[in-house]
PDB file of N, CA and C in Angstrom:
ATOM      1  N   MET A   1       1.979  -3.525   2.636  1.00  0.00           N
ATOM      2  CA  MET A   1       2.806  -2.377   2.892  1.00  0.00           C
ATOM      3  C   MET A   1       3.673  -2.137   1.657  1.00  0.00           C
ATOM      4  N   ARG A   2       3.814  -0.895   1.294  1.00  0.00           N
ATOM      5  CA  ARG A   2       4.660  -0.498   0.170  1.00  0.00           C
ATOM      6  C   ARG A   2       5.601   0.599   0.651  1.00  0.00           C
ATOM      7  N   LEU A   3       6.904   0.341   0.532  1.00  0.00           N
ATOM      8  CA  LEU A   3       7.905   1.249   1.075  1.00  0.00           C
ATOM      9  C   LEU A   3       8.956   1.622   0.048  1.00  0.00           C
ATOM     10  N   THR A   4       9.421   2.854   0.141  1.00  0.00           N
ATOM     11  CA  THR A   4      10.604   3.309  -0.568  1.00  0.00           C
ATOM     12  C   THR A   4      11.701   3.448   0.480  1.00  0.00           C
ATOM     13  N   ILE A   5      12.805   2.734   0.293  1.00  0.00           N
ATOM     14  CA  ILE A   5      13.908   2.768   1.245  1.00  0.00           C
ATOM     15  C   ILE A   5      15.105   3.416   0.564  1.00  0.00           C
ATOM     16  N   ARG A   6      15.554   4.537   1.130  1.00  0.00           N
ATOM     17  CA  ARG A   6      16.653   5.307   0.526  1.00  0.00           C
ATOM     18  C   ARG A   6      17.919   5.341   1.381  1.00  0.00           C
ATOM     19  N   ASN A   7      17.920   4.646   2.535  1.00  0.00           N
ATOM     20  CA  ASN A   7      19.123   4.648   3.368  1.00  0.00           C
ATOM     21  C   ASN A   7      19.187   3.375   4.205  1.00  0.00           C
ATOM     22  N   ALA A   8      20.396   3.061   4.658  1.00  0.00           N
ATOM     23  CA  ALA A   8      20.637   1.830   5.416  1.00  0.00           C
ATOM     24  C   ALA A   8      19.897   1.834   6.753  1.00  0.00           C
ATOM     25  N   ARG A   9      19.771   2.995   7.374  1.00  0.00           N
ATOM     26  CA  ARG A   9      19.071   3.079   8.669  1.00  0.00           C
ATOM     27  C   ARG A   9      17.624   2.621   8.537  1.00  0.00           C
ATOM     28  N   ASP A  10      16.920   3.097   7.511  1.00  0.00           N
ATOM     29  CA  ASP A  10      15.533   2.668   7.320  1.00  0.00           C
ATOM     30  C   ASP A  10      15.457   1.180   6.985  1.00  0.00           C
ATOM     31  N   LEU A  11      16.429   0.679   6.244  1.00  0.00           N
ATOM     32  CA  LEU A  11      16.420  -0.749   5.892  1.00  0.00           C
ATOM     33  C   LEU A  11      16.533  -1.616   7.136  1.00  0.00           C
ATOM     34  N   THR A  12      17.273  -1.166   8.154  1.00  0.00           N
ATOM     35  CA  THR A  12      17.400  -1.966   9.374  1.00  0.00           C
ATOM     36  C   THR A  12      16.076  -2.100  10.113  1.00  0.00           C
ATOM     37  N   GLN A  13      15.098  -1.251   9.822  1.00  0.00           N
ATOM     38  CA  GLN A  13      13.791  -1.310  10.474  1.00  0.00           C
ATOM     39  C   GLN A  13      12.855  -2.323   9.829  1.00  0.00           C
ATOM     40  N   ILE A  14      13.270  -2.874   8.696  1.00  0.00           N
ATOM     41  CA  ILE A  14      12.436  -3.823   7.958  1.00  0.00           C
ATOM     42  C   ILE A  14      13.009  -5.221   8.189  1.00  0.00           C
ATOM     43  N   PRO A  15      12.228  -6.138   8.754  1.00  0.00           N
ATOM     44  CA  PRO A  15      12.766  -7.468   9.072  1.00  0.00           C
ATOM     45  C   PRO A  15      12.845  -8.376   7.836  1.00  0.00           C
ATOM     46  N   LEU A  16      13.704  -7.999   6.899  1.00  0.00           N
ATOM     47  CA  LEU A  16      13.926  -8.787   5.692  1.00  0.00           C
ATOM     48  C   LEU A  16      15.400  -9.141   5.602  1.00  0.00           C
ATOM     49  N   GLU A  17      15.732  -9.952   4.635  1.00  0.00           N
ATOM     50  CA  GLU A  17      17.135 -10.318   4.426  1.00  0.00           C
ATOM     51  C   GLU A  17      17.944  -9.089   4.035  1.00  0.00           C
ATOM     52  N   ASP A  18      19.259  -9.218   4.081  1.00  0.00           N
ATOM     53  CA  ASP A  18      20.134  -8.124   3.661  1.00  0.00           C
ATOM     54  C   ASP A  18      20.155  -8.025   2.139  1.00  0.00           C
ATOM     55  N   PHE A  19      20.277  -6.809   1.642  1.00  0.00           N
ATOM     56  CA  PHE A  19      20.326  -6.572   0.208  1.00  0.00           C
ATOM     57  C   PHE A  19      21.602  -5.844  -0.142  1.00  0.00           C
ATOM     58  N   ASP A  20      22.186  -6.206  -1.269  1.00  0.00           N
ATOM     59  CA  ASP A  20      23.387  -5.531  -1.752  1.00  0.00           C
ATOM     60  C   ASP A  20      22.932  -4.290  -2.513  1.00  0.00           C
ATOM     61  N   VAL A  21      22.958  -3.153  -1.828  1.00  0.00           N
ATOM     62  CA  VAL A  21      22.472  -1.917  -2.432  1.00  0.00           C
ATOM     63  C   VAL A  21      23.417  -0.772  -2.059  1.00  0.00           C
ATOM     64  N   ASN A  22      23.736   0.060  -3.022  1.00  0.00           N
ATOM     65  CA  ASN A  22      24.554   1.250  -2.812  1.00  0.00           C
ATOM     66  C   ASN A  22      23.591   2.427  -2.724  1.00  0.00           C
ATOM     67  N   PHE A  23      23.288   2.881  -1.504  1.00  0.00           N
ATOM     68  CA  PHE A  23      22.276   3.922  -1.330  1.00  0.00           C
ATOM     69  C   PHE A  23      22.699   5.276  -1.890  1.00  0.00           C
ATOM     70  N   ASN A  24      23.964   5.442  -2.266  1.00  0.00           N
ATOM     71  CA  ASN A  24      24.368   6.670  -2.947  1.00  0.00           C
ATOM     72  C   ASN A  24      23.825   6.708  -4.373  1.00  0.00           C
ATOM     73  N   GLU A  25      23.606   5.539  -4.959  1.00  0.00           N
ATOM     74  CA  GLU A  25      23.164   5.454  -6.354  1.00  0.00           C
ATOM     75  C   GLU A  25      21.847   4.723  -6.542  1.00  0.00           C
ATOM     76  N   GLU A  26      21.395   3.978  -5.524  1.00  0.00           N
ATOM     77  CA  GLU A  26      20.211   3.127  -5.672  1.00  0.00           C
ATOM     78  C   GLU A  26      19.268   3.311  -4.491  1.00  0.00           C
ATOM     79  N   MET A  27      18.058   2.806  -4.673  1.00  0.00           N
ATOM     80  CA  MET A  27      17.082   2.753  -3.589  1.00  0.00           C
ATOM     81  C   MET A  27      16.276   1.475  -3.777  1.00  0.00           C
ATOM     82  N   LEU A  28      15.516   1.116  -2.747  1.00  0.00           N
ATOM     83  CA  LEU A  28      14.705  -0.094  -2.795  1.00  0.00           C
ATOM     84  C   LEU A  28      13.233   0.260  -2.821  1.00  0.00           C
ATOM     85  N   LEU A  29      12.483  -0.478  -3.603  1.00  0.00           N
ATOM     86  CA  LEU A  29      11.028  -0.461  -3.538  1.00  0.00           C
ATOM     87  C   LEU A  29      10.626  -1.814  -2.975  1.00  0.00           C
ATOM     88  N   ILE A  30       9.872  -1.803  -1.889  1.00  0.00           N
ATOM     89  CA  ILE A  30       9.496  -3.039  -1.206  1.00  0.00           C
ATOM     90  C   ILE A  30       7.978  -3.121  -1.140  1.00  0.00           C
ATOM     91  N   VAL A  31       7.454  -4.283  -1.526  1.00  0.00           N
ATOM     92  CA  VAL A  31       6.028  -4.575  -1.411  1.00  0.00           C
ATOM     93  C   VAL A  31       5.889  -5.812  -0.539  1.00  0.00           C
ATOM     94  N   THR A  32       5.140  -5.715   0.539  1.00  0.00           N
ATOM     95  CA  THR A  32       4.861  -6.875   1.381  1.00  0.00           C
ATOM     96  C   THR A  32       3.356  -7.120   1.388  1.00  0.00           C
ATOM     97  N   LEU A  33       2.985  -8.371   1.505  1.00  0.00           N
ATOM     98  CA  LEU A  33       1.570  -8.723   1.524  1.00  0.00           C
ATOM     99  C   LEU A  33       1.062  -9.023   2.929  1.00  0.00           C
ATOM    100  N   GLY A  34       1.954  -8.940   3.926  1.00  0.00           N
ATOM    101  CA  GLY A  34       1.539  -9.305   5.273  1.00  0.00           C
ATOM    102  C   GLY A  34       1.394 -10.812   5.390  1.00  0.00           C
ATOM    103  N   ARG A  35       0.769 -11.263   6.442  1.00  0.00           N
ATOM    104  CA  ARG A  35       0.621 -12.704   6.672  1.00  0.00           C
ATOM    105  C   ARG A  35      -0.435 -13.281   5.723  1.00  0.00           C
ATOM    106  N   THR A  36      -0.049 -14.326   5.015  1.00  0.00           N
ATOM    107  CA  THR A  36      -0.956 -15.035   4.115  1.00  0.00           C
ATOM    108  C   THR A  36      -0.899 -16.521   4.446  1.00  0.00           C
ATOM    109  N   TYR A  37      -1.726 -17.287   3.776  1.00  0.00           N
ATOM    110  CA  TYR A  37      -1.742 -18.734   3.989  1.00  0.00           C
ATOM    111  C   TYR A  37      -1.235 -19.491   2.771  1.00  0.00           C
ATOM    112  N   SER A  38      -0.325 -18.848   2.058  1.00  0.00           N
ATOM    113  CA  SER A  38       0.349 -19.517   0.949  1.00  0.00           C
ATOM    114  C   SER A  38       1.711 -18.869   0.731  1.00  0.00           C
ATOM    115  N   ASP A  39       2.690 -19.701   0.410  1.00  0.00           N
ATOM    116  CA  ASP A  39       4.013 -19.178   0.077  1.00  0.00           C
ATOM    117  C   ASP A  39       4.199 -19.112  -1.435  1.00  0.00           C
ATOM    118  N   GLN A  40       3.090 -19.213  -2.165  1.00  0.00           N
ATOM    119  CA  GLN A  40       3.175 -19.236  -3.621  1.00  0.00           C
ATOM    120  C   GLN A  40       2.647 -17.963  -4.290  1.00  0.00           C
ATOM    121  N   TYR A  41       2.453 -16.896  -3.523  1.00  0.00           N
ATOM    122  CA  TYR A  41       2.169 -15.600  -4.125  1.00  0.00           C
ATOM    123  C   TYR A  41       3.424 -15.124  -4.836  1.00  0.00           C
ATOM    124  N   ARG A  42       3.263 -14.396  -5.905  1.00  0.00           N
ATOM    125  CA  ARG A  42       4.394 -13.830  -6.638  1.00  0.00           C
ATOM    126  C   ARG A  42       4.158 -12.336  -6.805  1.00  0.00           C
ATOM    127  N   ILE A  43       5.187 -11.549  -6.547  1.00  0.00           N
ATOM    128  CA  ILE A  43       5.124 -10.090  -6.695  1.00  0.00           C
ATOM    129  C   ILE A  43       6.132  -9.712  -7.773  1.00  0.00           C
ATOM    130  N   ARG A  44       5.640  -9.066  -8.808  1.00  0.00           N
ATOM    131  CA  ARG A  44       6.510  -8.701  -9.932  1.00  0.00           C
ATOM    132  C   ARG A  44       6.434  -7.195 -10.167  1.00  0.00           C
ATOM    133  N   PHE A  45       7.596  -6.557 -10.280  1.00  0.00           N
ATOM    134  CA  PHE A  45       7.680  -5.149 -10.640  1.00  0.00           C
ATOM    135  C   PHE A  45       7.782  -5.101 -12.169  1.00  0.00           C
ATOM    136  N   ASP A  46       6.730  -4.633 -12.814  1.00  0.00           N
ATOM    137  CA  ASP A  46       6.668  -4.654 -14.277  1.00  0.00           C
ATOM    138  C   ASP A  46       7.308  -3.430 -14.916  1.00  0.00           C
ATOM    139  N   GLU A  47       7.115  -2.272 -14.281  1.00  0.00           N
ATOM    140  CA  GLU A  47       7.565  -1.026 -14.899  1.00  0.00           C
ATOM    141  C   GLU A  47       7.680   0.049 -13.824  1.00  0.00           C
ATOM    142  N   LEU A  48       8.586   0.983 -14.042  1.00  0.00           N
ATOM    143  CA  LEU A  48       8.691   2.172 -13.197  1.00  0.00           C
ATOM    144  C   LEU A  48       8.822   3.352 -14.141  1.00  0.00           C
ATOM    145  N   ARG A  49       7.810   4.215 -14.132  1.00  0.00           N
ATOM    146  CA  ARG A  49       7.836   5.351 -15.060  1.00  0.00           C
ATOM    147  C   ARG A  49       7.654   6.659 -14.286  1.00  0.00           C
ATOM    148  N   ARG A  50       8.079   7.723 -14.923  1.00  0.00           N
ATOM    149  CA  ARG A  50       7.950   9.056 -14.329  1.00  0.00           C
ATOM    150  C   ARG A  50       6.837   9.795 -15.050  1.00  0.00           C
ATOM    151  N   GLU A  51       5.958  10.383 -14.249  1.00  0.00           N
ATOM    152  CA  GLU A  51       4.922  11.275 -14.776  1.00  0.00           C
ATOM    153  C   GLU A  51       5.015  12.556 -13.975  1.00  0.00           C
ATOM    154  N   GLY A  52       5.498  13.601 -14.626  1.00  0.00           N
ATOM    155  CA  GLY A  52       5.711  14.861 -13.912  1.00  0.00           C
ATOM    156  C   GLY A  52       6.740  14.651 -12.823  1.00  0.00           C
ATOM    157  N   GLY A  53       6.405  15.023 -11.591  1.00  0.00           N
ATOM    158  CA  GLY A  53       7.328  14.887 -10.477  1.00  0.00           C
ATOM    159  C   GLY A  53       7.074  13.661  -9.623  1.00  0.00           C
ATOM    160  N   VAL A  54       6.485  12.611 -10.220  1.00  0.00           N
ATOM    161  CA  VAL A  54       6.130  11.415  -9.451  1.00  0.00           C
ATOM    162  C   VAL A  54       6.596  10.171 -10.202  1.00  0.00           C
ATOM    163  N   LEU A  55       7.112   9.182  -9.448  1.00  0.00           N
ATOM    164  CA  LEU A  55       7.406   7.876 -10.019  1.00  0.00           C
ATOM    165  C   LEU A  55       6.200   6.975  -9.818  1.00  0.00           C
ATOM    166  N   ILE A  56       5.857   6.229 -10.855  1.00  0.00           N
ATOM    167  CA  ILE A  56       4.697   5.347 -10.784  1.00  0.00           C
ATOM    168  C   ILE A  56       5.146   3.920 -11.081  1.00  0.00           C
ATOM    169  N   PRO A  57       5.139   3.060 -10.052  1.00  0.00           N
ATOM    170  CA  PRO A  57       5.485   1.658 -10.281  1.00  0.00           C
ATOM    171  C   PRO A  57       4.256   0.867 -10.725  1.00  0.00           C
ATOM    172  N   GLU A  58       4.455  -0.009 -11.670  1.00  0.00           N
ATOM    173  CA  GLU A  58       3.404  -0.955 -12.077  1.00  0.00           C
ATOM    174  C   GLU A  58       3.804  -2.300 -11.484  1.00  0.00           C
ATOM    175  N   ILE A  59       2.922  -2.874 -10.676  1.00  0.00           N
ATOM    176  CA  ILE A  59       3.228  -4.095  -9.940  1.00  0.00           C
ATOM    177  C   ILE A  59       2.126  -5.114 -10.200  1.00  0.00           C
ATOM    178  N   THR A  60       2.519  -6.363 -10.405  1.00  0.00           N
ATOM    179  CA  THR A  60       1.568  -7.452 -10.553  1.00  0.00           C
ATOM    180  C   THR A  60       1.714  -8.388  -9.366  1.00  0.00           C
ATOM    181  N   ILE A  61       0.598  -8.713  -8.721  1.00  0.00           N
ATOM    182  CA  ILE A  61       0.598  -9.696  -7.647  1.00  0.00           C
ATOM    183  C   ILE A  61      -0.169 -10.903  -8.154  1.00  0.00           C
ATOM    184  N   GLN A  62       0.548 -12.007  -8.277  1.00  0.00           N
ATOM    185  CA  GLN A  62      -0.046 -13.240  -8.794  1.00  0.00           C
ATOM    186  C   GLN A  62      -0.481 -14.107  -7.620  1.00  0.00           C
ATOM    187  N   ASP A  63      -1.755 -14.483  -7.614  1.00  0.00           N
ATOM    188  CA  ASP A  63      -2.288 -15.351  -6.568  1.00  0.00           C
ATOM    189  C   ASP A  63      -1.733 -16.762  -6.716  1.00  0.00           C
ATOM    190  N   PRO A  64      -1.741 -17.524  -5.624  1.00  0.00           N
ATOM    191  CA  PRO A  64      -1.286 -18.907  -5.715  1.00  0.00           C
ATOM    192  C   PRO A  64      -2.241 -19.727  -6.579  1.00  0.00           C
ATOM    193  N   PRO A  65      -1.752 -20.809  -7.154  1.00  0.00           N
ATOM    194  CA  PRO A  65      -2.632 -21.658  -7.964  1.00  0.00           C
ATOM    195  C   PRO A  65      -3.705 -22.314  -7.099  1.00  0.00           C
ATOM    196  N   THR A  66      -4.802 -22.658  -7.707  1.00  0.00           N
ATOM    197  CA  THR A  66      -5.870 -23.371  -7.012  1.00  0.00           C
ATOM    198  C   THR A  66      -5.315 -24.669  -6.445  1.00  0.00           C
ATOM    199  N   GLY A  67      -5.644 -24.937  -5.200  1.00  0.00           N
ATOM    200  CA  GLY A  67      -5.195 -26.168  -4.567  1.00  0.00           C
ATOM    201  C   GLY A  67      -3.804 -26.092  -3.964  1.00  0.00           C
ATOM    202  N   ALA A  68      -3.198 -24.914  -3.980  1.00  0.00           N
ATOM    203  CA  ALA A  68      -1.871 -24.775  -3.374  1.00  0.00           C
ATOM    204  C   ALA A  68      -1.965 -25.121  -1.894  1.00  0.00           C
ATOM    205  N   PRO A  69      -0.949 -25.770  -1.342  1.00  0.00           N
ATOM    206  CA  PRO A  69      -1.006 -26.132   0.081  1.00  0.00           C
ATOM    207  C   PRO A  69      -1.051 -24.892   0.968  1.00  0.00           C
ATOM    208  N   LEU A  70      -1.717 -25.032   2.101  1.00  0.00           N
ATOM    209  CA  LEU A  70      -1.792 -23.935   3.059  1.00  0.00           C
ATOM    210  C   LEU A  70      -0.490 -23.872   3.852  1.00  0.00           C
ATOM    211  N   THR A  71       0.128 -22.711   3.827  1.00  0.00           N
ATOM    212  CA  THR A  71       1.385 -22.475   4.533  1.00  0.00           C
ATOM    213  C   THR A  71       1.391 -21.027   4.993  1.00  0.00           C
ATOM    214  N   VAL A  72       1.587 -20.796   6.284  1.00  0.00           N
ATOM    215  CA  VAL A  72       1.663 -19.426   6.767  1.00  0.00           C
ATOM    216  C   VAL A  72       2.941 -18.803   6.203  1.00  0.00           C
ATOM    217  N   SER A  73       2.786 -17.635   5.594  1.00  0.00           N
ATOM    218  CA  SER A  73       3.900 -16.985   4.920  1.00  0.00           C
ATOM    219  C   SER A  73       3.710 -15.473   4.956  1.00  0.00           C
ATOM    220  N   CYS A  74       4.762 -14.751   4.672  1.00  0.00           N
ATOM    221  CA  CYS A  74       4.711 -13.294   4.551  1.00  0.00           C
ATOM    222  C   CYS A  74       5.423 -12.907   3.252  1.00  0.00           C
ATOM    223  N   PRO A  75       4.758 -13.045   2.115  1.00  0.00           N
ATOM    224  CA  PRO A  75       5.407 -12.776   0.829  1.00  0.00           C
ATOM    225  C   PRO A  75       5.798 -11.312   0.666  1.00  0.00           C
ATOM    226  N   TYR A  76       6.915 -11.117  -0.029  1.00  0.00           N
ATOM    227  CA  TYR A  76       7.351  -9.756  -0.327  1.00  0.00           C
ATOM    228  C   TYR A  76       8.144  -9.757  -1.624  1.00  0.00           C
ATOM    229  N   GLY A  77       8.230  -8.573  -2.221  1.00  0.00           N
ATOM    230  CA  GLY A  77       9.038  -8.376  -3.413  1.00  0.00           C
ATOM    231  C   GLY A  77       9.874  -7.125  -3.235  1.00  0.00           C
ATOM    232  N   VAL A  78      11.079  -7.139  -3.803  1.00  0.00           N
ATOM    233  CA  VAL A  78      11.998  -6.014  -3.678  1.00  0.00           C
ATOM    234  C   VAL A  78      12.562  -5.691  -5.055  1.00  0.00           C
ATOM    235  N   ALA A  79      12.572  -4.409  -5.401  1.00  0.00           N
ATOM    236  CA  ALA A  79      13.213  -3.952  -6.633  1.00  0.00           C
ATOM    237  C   ALA A  79      14.302  -2.954  -6.250  1.00  0.00           C
ATOM    238  N   VAL A  80      15.500  -3.168  -6.774  1.00  0.00           N
ATOM    239  CA  VAL A  80      16.590  -2.209  -6.620  1.00  0.00           C
ATOM    240  C   VAL A  80      16.570  -1.332  -7.860  1.00  0.00           C
ATOM    241  N   VAL A  81      16.359  -0.022  -7.658  1.00  0.00           N
ATOM    242  CA  VAL A  81      16.205   0.898  -8.791  1.00  0.00           C
ATOM    243  C   VAL A  81      17.149   2.084  -8.601  1.00  0.00           C
ATOM    244  N   PRO A  82      17.415   2.839  -9.669  1.00  0.00           N
ATOM    245  CA  PRO A  82      18.273   4.021  -9.526  1.00  0.00           C
ATOM    246  C   PRO A  82      17.685   5.008  -8.509  1.00  0.00           C
ATOM    247  N   ARG A  83      18.551   5.573  -7.698  1.00  0.00           N
ATOM    248  CA  ARG A  83      18.119   6.521  -6.659  1.00  0.00           C
ATOM    249  C   ARG A  83      17.520   7.775  -7.282  1.00  0.00           C
ATOM    250  N   CYS A  84      16.478   8.246  -6.620  1.00  0.00           N
ATOM    251  CA  CYS A  84      15.791   9.451  -7.055  1.00  0.00           C
ATOM    252  C   CYS A  84      15.019   9.977  -5.858  1.00  0.00           C
ATOM    253  N   ASP A  85      14.865  11.271  -5.747  1.00  0.00           N
ATOM    254  CA  ASP A  85      14.170  11.860  -4.604  1.00  0.00           C
ATOM    255  C   ASP A  85      12.697  12.141  -4.869  1.00  0.00           C
ATOM    256  N   LEU A  86      12.190  11.714  -6.026  1.00  0.00           N
ATOM    257  CA  LEU A  86      10.781  11.927  -6.341  1.00  0.00           C
ATOM    258  C   LEU A  86       9.887  11.045  -5.474  1.00  0.00           C
ATOM    259  N   GLU A  87       8.658  11.504  -5.256  1.00  0.00           N
ATOM    260  CA  GLU A  87       7.652  10.694  -4.581  1.00  0.00           C
ATOM    261  C   GLU A  87       7.391   9.451  -5.423  1.00  0.00           C
ATOM    262  N   VAL A  88       7.182   8.317  -4.757  1.00  0.00           N
ATOM    263  CA  VAL A  88       6.793   7.084  -5.434  1.00  0.00           C
ATOM    264  C   VAL A  88       5.325   6.850  -5.089  1.00  0.00           C
ATOM    265  N   ARG A  89       4.460   6.951  -6.091  1.00  0.00           N
ATOM    266  CA  ARG A  89       3.014   6.882  -5.863  1.00  0.00           C
ATOM    267  C   ARG A  89       2.631   5.569  -5.178  1.00  0.00           C
ATOM    268  N   GLY A  90       1.907   5.719  -4.061  1.00  0.00           N
ATOM    269  CA  GLY A  90       1.403   4.559  -3.324  1.00  0.00           C
ATOM    270  C   GLY A  90       2.408   3.942  -2.364  1.00  0.00           C
ATOM    271  N   PHE A  91       3.602   4.545  -2.250  1.00  0.00           N
ATOM    272  CA  PHE A  91       4.642   4.017  -1.380  1.00  0.00           C
ATOM    273  C   PHE A  91       4.939   5.013  -0.265  1.00  0.00           C
ATOM    274  N   SER A  92       5.197   4.496   0.932  1.00  0.00           N
ATOM    275  CA  SER A  92       5.579   5.327   2.066  1.00  0.00           C
ATOM    276  C   SER A  92       7.084   5.547   2.044  1.00  0.00           C
ATOM    277  N   ASN A  93       7.524   6.703   2.512  1.00  0.00           N
ATOM    278  CA  ASN A  93       8.950   7.007   2.588  1.00  0.00           C
ATOM    279  C   ASN A  93       9.594   6.546   3.882  1.00  0.00           C
ATOM    280  N   ARG A  94       8.814   6.114   4.841  1.00  0.00           N
ATOM    281  CA  ARG A  94       9.346   5.697   6.135  1.00  0.00           C
ATOM    282  C   ARG A  94       8.721   4.374   6.549  1.00  0.00           C
ATOM    283  N   PRO A  95       9.536   3.487   7.111  1.00  0.00           N
ATOM    284  CA  PRO A  95       8.955   2.260   7.660  1.00  0.00           C
ATOM    285  C   PRO A  95       8.057   2.594   8.843  1.00  0.00           C
ATOM    286  N   PRO A  96       7.042   1.782   9.086  1.00  0.00           N
ATOM    287  CA  PRO A  96       6.196   2.036  10.257  1.00  0.00           C
ATOM    288  C   PRO A  96       7.004   1.813  11.527  1.00  0.00           C
ATOM    289  N   PRO A  97       6.637   2.489  12.613  1.00  0.00           N
ATOM    290  CA  PRO A  97       7.370   2.270  13.866  1.00  0.00           C
ATOM    291  C   PRO A  97       7.213   0.824  14.318  1.00  0.00           C
ATOM    292  N   ARG A  98       8.301   0.261  14.803  1.00  0.00           N
ATOM    293  CA  ARG A  98       8.249  -1.111  15.306  1.00  0.00           C
ATOM    294  C   ARG A  98       7.899  -1.074  16.779  1.00  0.00           C
ATOM    295  N   ARG A  99       6.948  -1.887  17.146  1.00  0.00           N
ATOM    296  CA  ARG A  99       6.536  -1.976  18.543  1.00  0.00           C
ATOM    297  C   ARG A  99       6.891  -3.352  19.066  1.00  0.00           C
ATOM    298  N   ARG A 100       7.310  -3.385  20.299  1.00  0.00           N
ATOM    299  CA  ARG A 100       7.608  -4.668  20.922  1.00  0.00           C
ATOM    300  C   ARG A 100       6.322  -5.432  21.159  1.00  0.00           C
ATOM    301  N   SER A 101       6.397  -6.748  20.966  1.00  0.00           N
ATOM    302  CA  SER A 101       5.245  -7.588  21.277  1.00  0.00           C
ATOM    303  C   SER A 101       5.460  -8.292  22.619  1.00  0.00           C
ATOM    304  N   TRP A 102       6.490  -7.868  23.344  1.00  0.00           N
ATOM    305  CA  TRP A 102       6.797  -8.447  24.639  1.00  0.00           C
ATOM    306  C   TRP A 102       7.312  -7.341  25.553  1.00  0.00           C
ATOM    307  N   SER A 103       7.365  -7.625  26.813  1.00  0.00           N
ATOM    308  CA  SER A 103       7.955  -6.684  27.755  1.00  0.00           C
ATOM    309  C   SER A 103       8.719  -7.483  28.808  1.00  0.00           C
ATOM    310  N   GLN A 104       9.686  -6.829  29.425  1.00  0.00           N
ATOM    311  CA  GLN A 104      10.455  -7.488  30.461  1.00  0.00           C
ATOM    312  C   GLN A 104       9.620  -7.589  31.724  1.00  0.00           C
ATOM    313  N   SER A 105       9.806  -8.681  32.417  1.00  0.00           N
ATOM    314  CA  SER A 105       9.082  -8.819  33.686  1.00  0.00           C
ATOM    315  C   SER A 105       9.832  -8.033  34.768  1.00  0.00           C
ATOM    316  N   GLY A 106       9.100  -7.581  35.759  1.00  0.00           N
ATOM    317  CA  GLY A 106       9.703  -6.828  36.870  1.00  0.00           C
ATOM    318  C   GLY A 106      10.517  -7.726  37.770  1.00  0.00           C
ATOM    319  N   ALA A 107      11.494  -7.161  38.421  1.00  0.00           N
ATOM    320  CA  ALA A 107      12.358  -7.972  39.309  1.00  0.00           C
ATOM    321  C   ALA A 107      11.794  -8.022  40.699  1.00  0.00           C
TER     322      ALA A 107
END
């Protein structure tokens, strides 16, 4: 999942740690890899450039080393960048809707 987060309300929909971000001046770019079997993936934001009316992030995802121990993990990377209203290529502007994985039992 690749997300552009421009306000605190959208950030509350993402189950990640809190970030020190001033949404009047900054925004977040978030890349998640979903569930993996290693906690040694690395996500690096190499560059953010503008081409016309679009921002284009260059991102490197480094695989774990050979023989890394198996560990269930959900790797992610976050970049705090200057706020801008341009489209970010390959990134969604809204978090996906959260669905409950449980329900209350009837009384």
